Amino acid sequence: MTDREKAFETVGIEPLSGKLTADQIAKVKALGCLKDKRYDNIFNVRVITRNGKITTVQQRAIAEAADRFGTGEVAMTVRLTIEIQGVPYENIPELILFLGEKGLTTGGTGARVRPVTSCKGTTCQFGLIDTYSLSEKIHDLFFVGYHDAVLPHKFKIAVGGCPNNCVKPDLNDIGVVGQRIFTPNRDKCRGCKKCVVELNCPMKAAKLSDGKIGIDPDVCNKCGRCYRKCPFGAFENVEAGYKVYIGGRWGKKMAMGTPLGKIFDSEDKVLAVIEKAICLFRDEGVKGERFADTVERLGFDYVEKKLIGD
């Protein structure tokens, strides 16, 4: 048995003998290899990132793999994975094994939890939560941990560091958005004629009333842009929070996610809600429907109770 034949056996697909069959195309798609519509046997191979962030060692490995097994080109997907371009079918097994030796995997297709996307909230000046930490935990627990859980449809998760919503968390099946939770200390407010909090609130939710600062809860989106501005400490008691959206989607049909009716105060509570959502989708979803359809069919109130109840 040649090395190439051994590679095919290890990966679990059949060597090419004539024209590719629909079954062969489906099998490699499950491995993260998407057929290039322009050719009969050329594929773009999707390499998984944990949250869009990879090391320079991994970058070099991907570049080497693209040179050895593809056309020497790579492309970013909209969900922050990397596709090695122009890989002939017969090169797929050796490519997958080569990447595996470098600690990289392919995949990210099918009716499963998809790779998580994350903004740079950990380092961004507007970031309110550690998006890299949370998204890596989501990756390990749900993309990896639930890999064998076949769902009614794909399930996408996004983590955004603040209400700027750069990675569109509210257009994912589950979206997490960083928040700042605070209540002004009116005793420390000096009623400045030019209140820097009021001037810096992008939502115009902060207003002086009766000589004291107040926040309109119906307008405030908890972006945290104002809380460090008061020189007299009227916004000292501030905590990080997590808003969770459910039932978003984009594509041929779109749906805006709906936020759950509470702000969570820890990563662990967010992870528990995500797990409940995945299990509910697995157990009560109908094959072929997106989570947004499941939420609409079952009713938001029912789903919310399942996710945040005991």
C-alpha atoms as a PDB file:
ATOM      1  CA  MET A   1       0.000   0.000   0.000  1.00  0.00           C
ATOM      2  CA  THR A   2       1.388   3.379  -1.016  1.00  0.00           C
ATOM      3  CA  ASP A   3       1.558   6.371   1.336  1.00  0.00           C
ATOM      4  CA  ARG A   4      -1.292   8.014  -0.567  1.00  0.00           C
ATOM      5  CA  GLU A   5      -3.450   4.910  -0.249  1.00  0.00           C
ATOM      6  CA  LYS A   6      -2.706   4.782   3.483  1.00  0.00           C
ATOM      7  CA  ALA A   7      -3.709   8.429   3.769  1.00  0.00           C
ATOM      8  CA  PHE A   8      -7.068   7.734   2.100  1.00  0.00           C
ATOM      9  CA  GLU A   9      -7.677   4.828   4.477  1.00  0.00           C
ATOM     10  CA  THR A  10      -6.735   6.909   7.533  1.00  0.00           C
ATOM     11  CA  VAL A  11      -9.045   9.778   6.597  1.00  0.00           C
ATOM     12  CA  GLY A  12     -11.858   7.397   5.665  1.00  0.00           C
ATOM     13  CA  ILE A  13     -12.578   8.245   2.038  1.00  0.00           C
ATOM     14  CA  GLU A  14     -12.071   6.312  -1.196  1.00  0.00           C
ATOM     15  CA  PRO A  15      -9.381   6.978  -3.826  1.00  0.00           C
ATOM     16  CA  LEU A  16     -10.544   8.495  -7.065  1.00  0.00           C
ATOM     17  CA  SER A  17     -11.446   5.995  -9.800  1.00  0.00           C
ATOM     18  CA  GLY A  18     -13.176   7.783 -12.619  1.00  0.00           C
ATOM     19  CA  LYS A  19     -15.645  10.590 -12.098  1.00  0.00           C
ATOM     20  CA  LEU A  20     -16.385  11.727  -8.549  1.00  0.00           C
ATOM     21  CA  THR A  21     -19.671  10.409  -7.201  1.00  0.00           C
ATOM     22  CA  ALA A  22     -22.185  12.412  -5.183  1.00  0.00           C
ATOM     23  CA  ASP A  23     -21.374  10.202  -2.188  1.00  0.00           C
ATOM     24  CA  GLN A  24     -17.650  10.997  -2.428  1.00  0.00           C
ATOM     25  CA  ILE A  25     -18.378  14.725  -2.675  1.00  0.00           C
ATOM     26  CA  ALA A  26     -20.663  14.506   0.386  1.00  0.00           C
ATOM     27  CA  LYS A  27     -18.032  12.626   2.394  1.00  0.00           C
ATOM     28  CA  VAL A  28     -15.298  15.186   1.815  1.00  0.00           C
ATOM     29  CA  LYS A  29     -17.739  18.038   2.419  1.00  0.00           C
ATOM     30  CA  ALA A  30     -18.293  16.570   5.878  1.00  0.00           C
ATOM     31  CA  LEU A  31     -14.511  16.918   6.336  1.00  0.00           C
ATOM     32  CA  GLY A  32     -14.656  20.625   5.449  1.00  0.00           C
ATOM     33  CA  CYS A  33     -13.801  20.299   1.744  1.00  0.00           C
ATOM     34  CA  LEU A  34     -16.130  22.320  -0.479  1.00  0.00           C
ATOM     35  CA  LYS A  35     -16.248  21.597  -4.201  1.00  0.00           C
ATOM     36  CA  ASP A  36     -15.160  24.384  -6.547  1.00  0.00           C
ATOM     37  CA  LYS A  37     -18.108  24.626  -8.935  1.00  0.00           C
ATOM     38  CA  ARG A  38     -15.788  25.402 -11.841  1.00  0.00           C
ATOM     39  CA  TYR A  39     -14.037  22.029 -11.818  1.00  0.00           C
ATOM     40  CA  ASP A  40     -14.903  18.358 -11.540  1.00  0.00           C
ATOM     41  CA  ASN A  41     -12.491  17.376  -8.779  1.00  0.00           C
ATOM     42  CA  ILE A  42     -11.115  20.558  -7.172  1.00  0.00           C
ATOM     43  CA  PHE A  43     -11.979  21.581  -3.612  1.00  0.00           C
ATOM     44  CA  ASN A  44     -11.441  24.446  -1.173  1.00  0.00           C
ATOM     45  CA  VAL A  45     -10.524  23.022   2.212  1.00  0.00           C
ATOM     46  CA  ARG A  46     -11.771  24.851   5.303  1.00  0.00           C
ATOM     47  CA  VAL A  47      -9.288  25.102   8.183  1.00  0.00           C
ATOM     48  CA  ILE A  48     -10.840  25.764  11.590  1.00  0.00           C
ATOM     49  CA  THR A  49      -9.776  28.649  13.788  1.00  0.00           C
ATOM     50  CA  ARG A  50     -10.931  28.826  17.389  1.00  0.00           C
ATOM     51  CA  ASN A  51     -12.323  32.339  17.013  1.00  0.00           C
ATOM     52  CA  GLY A  52     -10.556  33.848  14.028  1.00  0.00           C
ATOM     53  CA  LYS A  53      -7.227  34.056  15.839  1.00  0.00           C
ATOM     54  CA  ILE A  54      -4.309  31.796  14.902  1.00  0.00           C
ATOM     55  CA  THR A  55      -0.601  31.715  15.701  1.00  0.00           C
ATOM     56  CA  THR A  56       2.194  32.542  13.289  1.00  0.00           C
ATOM     57  CA  VAL A  57       3.252  28.876  13.434  1.00  0.00           C
ATOM     58  CA  GLN A  58      -0.220  27.881  12.268  1.00  0.00           C
ATOM     59  CA  GLN A  59      -0.161  30.565   9.574  1.00  0.00           C
ATOM     60  CA  ARG A  60       3.097  29.175   8.217  1.00  0.00           C
ATOM     61  CA  ALA A  61       1.689  25.634   8.281  1.00  0.00           C
ATOM     62  CA  ILE A  62      -1.395  26.732   6.348  1.00  0.00           C
ATOM     63  CA  ALA A  63       0.778  28.558   3.808  1.00  0.00           C
ATOM     64  CA  GLU A  64       2.965  25.475   3.371  1.00  0.00           C
ATOM     65  CA  ALA A  65      -0.106  23.273   2.971  1.00  0.00           C
ATOM     66  CA  ALA A  66      -1.528  25.634   0.339  1.00  0.00           C
ATOM     67  CA  ASP A  67       1.744  25.453  -1.608  1.00  0.00           C
ATOM     68  CA  ARG A  68       2.102  21.665  -1.333  1.00  0.00           C
ATOM     69  CA  PHE A  69      -1.485  20.553  -1.863  1.00  0.00           C
ATOM     70  CA  GLY A  70      -3.359  23.467  -3.457  1.00  0.00           C
ATOM     71  CA  THR A  71      -2.760  26.486  -5.657  1.00  0.00           C
ATOM     72  CA  GLY A  72      -0.789  28.448  -3.078  1.00  0.00           C
ATOM     73  CA  GLU A  73      -3.778  30.649  -2.284  1.00  0.00           C
ATOM     74  CA  VAL A  74      -5.927  30.981   0.836  1.00  0.00           C
ATOM     75  CA  ALA A  75      -9.212  32.818   1.427  1.00  0.00           C
ATOM     76  CA  MET A  76     -10.916  34.014   4.593  1.00  0.00           C
ATOM     77  CA  THR A  77     -14.534  33.019   5.138  1.00  0.00           C
ATOM     78  CA  VAL A  78     -17.098  35.385   6.602  1.00  0.00           C
ATOM     79  CA  ARG A  79     -16.994  33.322   9.807  1.00  0.00           C
ATOM     80  CA  LEU A  80     -13.237  33.755  10.266  1.00  0.00           C
ATOM     81  CA  THR A  81     -12.098  30.338   9.096  1.00  0.00           C
ATOM     82  CA  ILE A  82      -9.465  29.905   6.383  1.00  0.00           C
ATOM     83  CA  GLU A  83      -9.912  28.005   3.128  1.00  0.00           C
ATOM     84  CA  ILE A  84      -6.970  26.510   1.262  1.00  0.00           C
ATOM     85  CA  GLN A  85      -7.812  26.991  -2.393  1.00  0.00           C
ATOM     86  CA  GLY A  86      -7.649  24.646  -5.363  1.00  0.00           C
ATOM     87  CA  VAL A  87      -6.970  21.271  -3.722  1.00  0.00           C
ATOM     88  CA  PRO A  88      -7.376  18.271  -6.066  1.00  0.00           C
ATOM     89  CA  TYR A  89      -9.453  15.450  -4.597  1.00  0.00           C
ATOM     90  CA  GLU A  90      -6.475  13.096  -4.531  1.00  0.00           C
ATOM     91  CA  ASN A  91      -4.526  15.566  -2.324  1.00  0.00           C
ATOM     92  CA  ILE A  92      -7.222  15.928   0.344  1.00  0.00           C
ATOM     93  CA  PRO A  93      -6.183  13.053   2.672  1.00  0.00           C
ATOM     94  CA  GLU A  94      -2.511  14.043   2.752  1.00  0.00           C
ATOM     95  CA  LEU A  95      -3.485  17.676   3.328  1.00  0.00           C
ATOM     96  CA  ILE A  96      -5.729  16.784   6.273  1.00  0.00           C
ATOM     97  CA  LEU A  97      -3.031  14.600   7.835  1.00  0.00           C
ATOM     98  CA  PHE A  98      -0.387  17.304   7.316  1.00  0.00           C
ATOM     99  CA  LEU A  99      -2.569  19.900   9.034  1.00  0.00           C
ATOM    100  CA  GLY A 100      -3.281  17.456  11.850  1.00  0.00           C
ATOM    101  CA  GLU A 101       0.437  17.131  12.534  1.00  0.00           C
ATOM    102  CA  LYS A 102       0.500  20.933  12.983  1.00  0.00           C
ATOM    103  CA  GLY A 103      -2.442  20.908  15.403  1.00  0.00           C
ATOM    104  CA  LEU A 104      -4.962  22.125  12.845  1.00  0.00           C
ATOM    105  CA  THR A 105      -8.249  20.558  11.814  1.00  0.00           C
ATOM    106  CA  THR A 106     -10.661  20.939   8.918  1.00  0.00           C
ATOM    107  CA  GLY A 107     -14.450  20.933   9.058  1.00  0.00           C
ATOM    108  CA  GLY A 108     -17.123  23.491   9.907  1.00  0.00           C
ATOM    109  CA  THR A 109     -19.893  22.116   7.703  1.00  0.00           C
ATOM    110  CA  GLY A 110     -23.104  20.178   8.211  1.00  0.00           C
ATOM    111  CA  ALA A 111     -25.991  20.239  10.683  1.00  0.00           C
ATOM    112  CA  ARG A 112     -23.800  20.832  13.691  1.00  0.00           C
ATOM    113  CA  VAL A 113     -22.491  23.602  15.897  1.00  0.00           C
ATOM    114  CA  ARG A 114     -20.349  25.724  13.590  1.00  0.00           C
ATOM    115  CA  PRO A 115     -17.047  27.453  14.455  1.00  0.00           C
ATOM    116  CA  VAL A 116     -17.641  30.396  16.766  1.00  0.00           C
ATOM    117  CA  THR A 117     -16.925  33.926  15.578  1.00  0.00           C
ATOM    118  CA  SER A 118     -15.614  36.653  17.843  1.00  0.00           C
ATOM    119  CA  CYS A 119     -14.699  40.294  17.624  1.00  0.00           C
ATOM    120  CA  LYS A 120     -11.494  41.651  19.192  1.00  0.00           C
ATOM    121  CA  GLY A 121     -13.265  42.841  22.320  1.00  0.00           C
ATOM    122  CA  THR A 122     -10.460  41.562  24.532  1.00  0.00           C
ATOM    123  CA  THR A 123      -8.094  44.174  23.082  1.00  0.00           C
ATOM    124  CA  CYS A 124     -10.476  46.705  21.481  1.00  0.00           C
ATOM    125  CA  GLN A 125     -10.915  50.048  23.252  1.00  0.00           C
ATOM    126  CA  PHE A 126     -14.676  49.534  23.212  1.00  0.00           C
ATOM    127  CA  GLY A 127     -14.636  45.909  24.371  1.00  0.00           C
ATOM    128  CA  LEU A 128     -16.505  45.282  27.625  1.00  0.00           C
ATOM    129  CA  ILE A 129     -15.799  41.542  28.031  1.00  0.00           C
ATOM    130  CA  ASP A 130     -12.966  39.125  27.301  1.00  0.00           C
ATOM    131  CA  THR A 131     -14.274  37.902  23.958  1.00  0.00           C
ATOM    132  CA  TYR A 132     -11.273  35.690  23.221  1.00  0.00           C
ATOM    133  CA  SER A 133     -11.618  33.831  26.515  1.00  0.00           C
ATOM    134  CA  LEU A 134     -15.354  33.269  26.147  1.00  0.00           C
ATOM    135  CA  SER A 135     -15.195  32.269  22.475  1.00  0.00           C
ATOM    136  CA  GLU A 136     -12.410  29.762  23.151  1.00  0.00           C
ATOM    137  CA  LYS A 137     -14.518  28.149  25.858  1.00  0.00           C
ATOM    138  CA  ILE A 138     -17.484  28.009  23.488  1.00  0.00           C
ATOM    139  CA  HIS A 139     -15.244  26.430  20.848  1.00  0.00           C
ATOM    140  CA  ASP A 140     -13.998  23.713  23.200  1.00  0.00           C
ATOM    141  CA  LEU A 141     -17.337  22.967  24.852  1.00  0.00           C
ATOM    142  CA  PHE A 142     -19.666  23.112  21.889  1.00  0.00           C
ATOM    143  CA  PHE A 143     -17.860  23.055  18.535  1.00  0.00           C
ATOM    144  CA  VAL A 144     -15.545  20.281  19.738  1.00  0.00           C
ATOM    145  CA  GLY A 145     -17.580  18.823  22.588  1.00  0.00           C
ATOM    146  CA  TYR A 146     -20.832  18.605  20.628  1.00  0.00           C
ATOM    147  CA  HIS A 147     -19.240  17.598  17.332  1.00  0.00           C
ATOM    148  CA  ASP A 148     -21.117  14.287  17.216  1.00  0.00           C
ATOM    149  CA  ALA A 149     -24.469  15.874  18.099  1.00  0.00           C
ATOM    150  CA  VAL A 150     -26.446  16.002  14.854  1.00  0.00           C
ATOM    151  CA  LEU A 151     -28.856  18.946  14.936  1.00  0.00           C
ATOM    152  CA  PRO A 152     -31.857  19.829  12.755  1.00  0.00           C
ATOM    153  CA  HIS A 153     -29.679  22.404  10.952  1.00  0.00           C
ATOM    154  CA  LYS A 154     -26.432  24.316  11.396  1.00  0.00           C
ATOM    155  CA  PHE A 155     -26.069  26.306  14.611  1.00  0.00           C
ATOM    156  CA  LYS A 156     -24.017  29.496  14.624  1.00  0.00           C
ATOM    157  CA  ILE A 157     -22.653  31.350  17.657  1.00  0.00           C
ATOM    158  CA  ALA A 158     -21.049  34.803  17.768  1.00  0.00           C
ATOM    159  CA  VAL A 159     -19.462  36.766  20.599  1.00  0.00           C
ATOM    160  CA  GLY A 160     -19.376  40.561  20.462  1.00  0.00           C
ATOM    161  CA  GLY A 161     -17.500  42.691  22.944  1.00  0.00           C
ATOM    162  CA  CYS A 162     -19.933  45.621  23.001  1.00  0.00           C
ATOM    163  CA  PRO A 163     -23.177  46.902  21.462  1.00  0.00           C
ATOM    164  CA  ASN A 164     -21.285  48.045  18.353  1.00  0.00           C
ATOM    165  CA  ASN A 165     -22.173  44.511  17.148  1.00  0.00           C
ATOM    166  CA  CYS A 166     -19.247  44.236  14.726  1.00  0.00           C
ATOM    167  CA  VAL A 167     -19.677  40.443  14.321  1.00  0.00           C
ATOM    168  CA  LYS A 168     -23.493  40.724  14.205  1.00  0.00           C
ATOM    169  CA  PRO A 169     -24.283  38.606  17.290  1.00  0.00           C
ATOM    170  CA  ASP A 170     -27.999  39.324  16.895  1.00  0.00           C
ATOM    171  CA  LEU A 171     -27.966  37.667  13.456  1.00  0.00           C
ATOM    172  CA  ASN A 172     -26.712  34.345  14.803  1.00  0.00           C
ATOM    173  CA  ASP A 173     -28.584  31.423  16.326  1.00  0.00           C
ATOM    174  CA  ILE A 174     -27.004  32.482  19.627  1.00  0.00           C
ATOM    175  CA  GLY A 175     -25.290  35.827  20.048  1.00  0.00           C
ATOM    176  CA  VAL A 176     -23.509  37.225  23.096  1.00  0.00           C
ATOM    177  CA  VAL A 177     -22.935  40.960  23.551  1.00  0.00           C
ATOM    178  CA  GLY A 178     -20.799  42.554  26.256  1.00  0.00           C
ATOM    179  CA  GLN A 179     -22.529  45.009  28.582  1.00  0.00           C
ATOM    180  CA  ARG A 180     -21.736  47.425  31.401  1.00  0.00           C
ATOM    181  CA  ILE A 181     -24.152  47.274  34.313  1.00  0.00           C
ATOM    182  CA  PHE A 182     -24.272  50.315  36.569  1.00  0.00           C
ATOM    183  CA  THR A 183     -26.541  52.669  38.481  1.00  0.00           C
ATOM    184  CA  PRO A 184     -25.415  56.281  38.931  1.00  0.00           C
ATOM    185  CA  ASN A 185     -24.573  57.345  42.465  1.00  0.00           C
ATOM    186  CA  ARG A 186     -26.607  60.513  42.561  1.00  0.00           C
ATOM    187  CA  ASP A 187     -25.057  61.483  45.908  1.00  0.00           C
ATOM    188  CA  LYS A 188     -21.707  61.913  44.138  1.00  0.00           C
ATOM    189  CA  CYS A 189     -23.178  63.787  41.184  1.00  0.00           C
ATOM    190  CA  ARG A 190     -22.467  67.505  41.418  1.00  0.00           C
ATOM    191  CA  GLY A 191     -24.857  68.543  38.669  1.00  0.00           C
ATOM    192  CA  CYS A 192     -22.182  70.086  36.464  1.00  0.00           C
ATOM    193  CA  LYS A 193     -23.580  72.550  33.926  1.00  0.00           C
ATOM    194  CA  LYS A 194     -21.668  70.690  31.226  1.00  0.00           C
ATOM    195  CA  CYS A 195     -21.996  67.066  32.326  1.00  0.00           C
ATOM    196  CA  VAL A 196     -19.305  64.980  30.595  1.00  0.00           C
ATOM    197  CA  VAL A 197     -21.424  61.866  31.051  1.00  0.00           C
ATOM    198  CA  GLU A 198     -24.339  63.438  29.231  1.00  0.00           C
ATOM    199  CA  LEU A 199     -22.062  64.818  26.524  1.00  0.00           C
ATOM    200  CA  ASN A 200     -20.390  61.433  25.929  1.00  0.00           C
ATOM    201  CA  CYS A 201     -23.477  59.222  25.872  1.00  0.00           C
ATOM    202  CA  PRO A 202     -23.906  58.132  22.213  1.00  0.00           C
ATOM    203  CA  MET A 203     -27.453  56.947  22.881  1.00  0.00           C
ATOM    204  CA  LYS A 204     -28.539  60.222  24.576  1.00  0.00           C
ATOM    205  CA  ALA A 205     -29.760  58.124  27.488  1.00  0.00           C
ATOM    206  CA  ALA A 206     -27.882  60.128  30.146  1.00  0.00           C
ATOM    207  CA  LYS A 207     -29.695  63.282  31.171  1.00  0.00           C
ATOM    208  CA  LEU A 208     -29.493  65.750  34.035  1.00  0.00           C
ATOM    209  CA  SER A 209     -32.790  65.866  35.909  1.00  0.00           C
ATOM    210  CA  ASP A 210     -33.340  68.101  38.910  1.00  0.00           C
ATOM    211  CA  GLY A 211     -29.621  68.811  38.909  1.00  0.00           C
ATOM    212  CA  LYS A 212     -28.612  65.147  39.051  1.00  0.00           C
ATOM    213  CA  ILE A 213     -27.562  62.652  36.383  1.00  0.00           C
ATOM    214  CA  GLY A 214     -29.956  59.898  35.443  1.00  0.00           C
ATOM    215  CA  ILE A 215     -30.032  57.105  32.846  1.00  0.00           C
ATOM    216  CA  ASP A 216     -33.121  56.283  30.789  1.00  0.00           C
ATOM    217  CA  PRO A 217     -33.196  52.446  30.912  1.00  0.00           C
ATOM    218  CA  ASP A 218     -35.388  52.283  27.821  1.00  0.00           C
ATOM    219  CA  VAL A 219     -32.745  54.105  25.764  1.00  0.00           C
ATOM    220  CA  CYS A 220     -29.453  52.954  27.337  1.00  0.00           C
ATOM    221  CA  ASN A 221     -27.840  50.001  25.559  1.00  0.00           C
ATOM    222  CA  LYS A 222     -25.205  49.522  28.306  1.00  0.00           C
ATOM    223  CA  CYS A 223     -22.325  50.293  25.941  1.00  0.00           C
ATOM    224  CA  GLY A 224     -20.165  51.638  28.770  1.00  0.00           C
ATOM    225  CA  ARG A 225     -18.976  54.690  26.840  1.00  0.00           C
ATOM    226  CA  CYS A 226     -19.932  57.049  29.652  1.00  0.00           C
ATOM    227  CA  TYR A 227     -19.122  55.373  32.934  1.00  0.00           C
ATOM    228  CA  ARG A 228     -15.469  56.436  33.163  1.00  0.00           C
ATOM    229  CA  LYS A 229     -16.161  60.045  32.275  1.00  0.00           C
ATOM    230  CA  CYS A 230     -17.463  61.454  35.569  1.00  0.00           C
ATOM    231  CA  PRO A 231     -14.520  63.021  37.463  1.00  0.00           C
ATOM    232  CA  PHE A 232     -16.422  62.779  40.763  1.00  0.00           C
ATOM    233  CA  GLY A 233     -17.044  59.035  40.736  1.00  0.00           C
ATOM    234  CA  ALA A 234     -20.778  59.031  40.137  1.00  0.00           C
ATOM    235  CA  PHE A 235     -20.318  55.812  38.126  1.00  0.00           C
ATOM    236  CA  GLU A 236     -17.989  53.821  40.385  1.00  0.00           C
ATOM    237  CA  ASN A 237     -20.027  50.632  40.898  1.00  0.00           C
ATOM    238  CA  VAL A 238     -19.766  49.056  37.449  1.00  0.00           C
ATOM    239  CA  GLU A 239     -19.881  45.368  36.533  1.00  0.00           C
ATOM    240  CA  ALA A 240     -19.452  43.408  33.326  1.00  0.00           C
ATOM    241  CA  GLY A 241     -22.542  41.787  31.889  1.00  0.00           C
ATOM    242  CA  TYR A 242     -23.578  39.581  28.985  1.00  0.00           C
ATOM    243  CA  LYS A 243     -26.685  40.044  26.850  1.00  0.00           C
ATOM    244  CA  VAL A 244     -27.739  36.888  24.999  1.00  0.00           C
ATOM    245  CA  TYR A 245     -29.726  36.953  21.754  1.00  0.00           C
ATOM    246  CA  ILE A 246     -31.500  33.884  20.403  1.00  0.00           C
ATOM    247  CA  GLY A 247     -32.993  33.047  17.037  1.00  0.00           C
ATOM    248  CA  GLY A 248     -31.073  35.318  14.694  1.00  0.00           C
ATOM    249  CA  ARG A 249     -30.200  34.290  11.156  1.00  0.00           C
ATOM    250  CA  TRP A 250     -29.002  35.764   7.894  1.00  0.00           C
ATOM    251  CA  GLY A 251     -29.094  34.459   4.361  1.00  0.00           C
ATOM    252  CA  LYS A 252     -32.014  33.930   1.992  1.00  0.00           C
ATOM    253  CA  LYS A 253     -34.263  34.436   5.008  1.00  0.00           C
ATOM    254  CA  MET A 254     -33.301  36.826   7.779  1.00  0.00           C
ATOM    255  CA  ALA A 255     -34.421  37.183  11.365  1.00  0.00           C
ATOM    256  CA  MET A 256     -33.214  39.526  14.073  1.00  0.00           C
ATOM    257  CA  GLY A 257     -32.392  37.714  17.269  1.00  0.00           C
ATOM    258  CA  THR A 258     -34.408  38.505  20.380  1.00  0.00           C
ATOM    259  CA  PRO A 259     -32.562  39.196  23.643  1.00  0.00           C
ATOM    260  CA  LEU A 260     -33.353  37.071  26.655  1.00  0.00           C
ATOM    261  CA  GLY A 261     -34.994  39.034  29.436  1.00  0.00           C
ATOM    262  CA  LYS A 262     -32.010  39.185  31.774  1.00  0.00           C
ATOM    263  CA  ILE A 263     -28.386  40.278  31.653  1.00  0.00           C
ATOM    264  CA  PHE A 264     -26.023  37.535  32.805  1.00  0.00           C
ATOM    265  CA  ASP A 265     -23.154  38.328  35.147  1.00  0.00           C
ATOM    266  CA  SER A 266     -20.676  35.513  34.401  1.00  0.00           C
ATOM    267  CA  GLU A 267     -19.244  33.438  31.565  1.00  0.00           C
ATOM    268  CA  ASP A 268     -20.428  30.244  33.255  1.00  0.00           C
ATOM    269  CA  LYS A 269     -24.054  31.389  33.156  1.00  0.00           C
ATOM    270  CA  VAL A 270     -23.721  32.276  29.475  1.00  0.00           C
ATOM    271  CA  LEU A 271     -22.200  28.883  28.696  1.00  0.00           C
ATOM    272  CA  ALA A 272     -25.055  27.163  30.538  1.00  0.00           C
ATOM    273  CA  VAL A 273     -27.616  29.042  28.433  1.00  0.00           C
ATOM    274  CA  ILE A 274     -25.814  28.156  25.196  1.00  0.00           C
ATOM    275  CA  GLU A 275     -25.774  24.471  26.162  1.00  0.00           C
ATOM    276  CA  LYS A 276     -29.482  24.542  26.985  1.00  0.00           C
ATOM    277  CA  ALA A 277     -30.191  26.175  23.613  1.00  0.00           C
ATOM    278  CA  ILE A 278     -28.232  23.551  21.692  1.00  0.00           C
ATOM    279  CA  CYS A 279     -29.956  20.719  23.569  1.00  0.00           C
ATOM    280  CA  LEU A 280     -33.389  22.264  23.046  1.00  0.00           C
ATOM    281  CA  PHE A 281     -32.677  22.617  19.323  1.00  0.00           C
ATOM    282  CA  ARG A 282     -31.465  19.018  19.165  1.00  0.00           C
ATOM    283  CA  ASP A 283     -34.446  17.624  21.083  1.00  0.00           C
ATOM    284  CA  GLU A 284     -37.349  19.838  19.972  1.00  0.00           C
ATOM    285  CA  GLY A 285     -36.241  21.184  16.607  1.00  0.00           C
ATOM    286  CA  VAL A 286     -37.572  19.757  13.348  1.00  0.00           C
ATOM    287  CA  LYS A 287     -35.117  18.499  10.751  1.00  0.00           C
ATOM    288  CA  GLY A 288     -34.319  21.190   8.213  1.00  0.00           C
ATOM    289  CA  GLU A 289     -35.442  24.171  10.287  1.00  0.00           C
ATOM    290  CA  ARG A 290     -33.104  26.805  11.705  1.00  0.00           C
ATOM    291  CA  PHE A 291     -33.144  27.694  15.383  1.00  0.00           C
ATOM    292  CA  ALA A 292     -35.029  30.884  14.494  1.00  0.00           C
ATOM    293  CA  ASP A 293     -37.826  28.706  13.090  1.00  0.00           C
ATOM    294  CA  THR A 294     -37.791  26.552  16.224  1.00  0.00           C
ATOM    295  CA  VAL A 295     -38.127  29.623  18.450  1.00  0.00           C
ATOM    296  CA  GLU A 296     -40.979  30.964  16.315  1.00  0.00           C
ATOM    297  CA  ARG A 297     -42.781  27.609  16.251  1.00  0.00           C
ATOM    298  CA  LEU A 298     -42.441  26.902  19.978  1.00  0.00           C
ATOM    299  CA  GLY A 299     -42.885  30.514  21.044  1.00  0.00           C
ATOM    300  CA  PHE A 300     -40.260  32.844  22.476  1.00  0.00           C
ATOM    301  CA  ASP A 301     -41.727  32.733  25.992  1.00  0.00           C
ATOM    302  CA  TYR A 302     -41.530  28.930  26.062  1.00  0.00           C
ATOM    303  CA  VAL A 303     -37.947  28.880  24.810  1.00  0.00           C
ATOM    304  CA  GLU A 304     -36.860  31.654  27.170  1.00  0.00           C
ATOM    305  CA  LYS A 305     -38.302  29.758  30.138  1.00  0.00           C
ATOM    306  CA  LYS A 306     -36.401  26.645  29.059  1.00  0.00           C
ATOM    307  CA  LEU A 307     -33.135  28.568  28.767  1.00  0.00           C
ATOM    308  CA  ILE A 308     -33.150  30.728  31.891  1.00  0.00           C
ATOM    309  CA  GLY A 309     -35.355  28.675  34.190  1.00  0.00           C
ATOM    310  CA  ASP A 310     -34.042  26.053  36.607  1.00  0.00           C
END
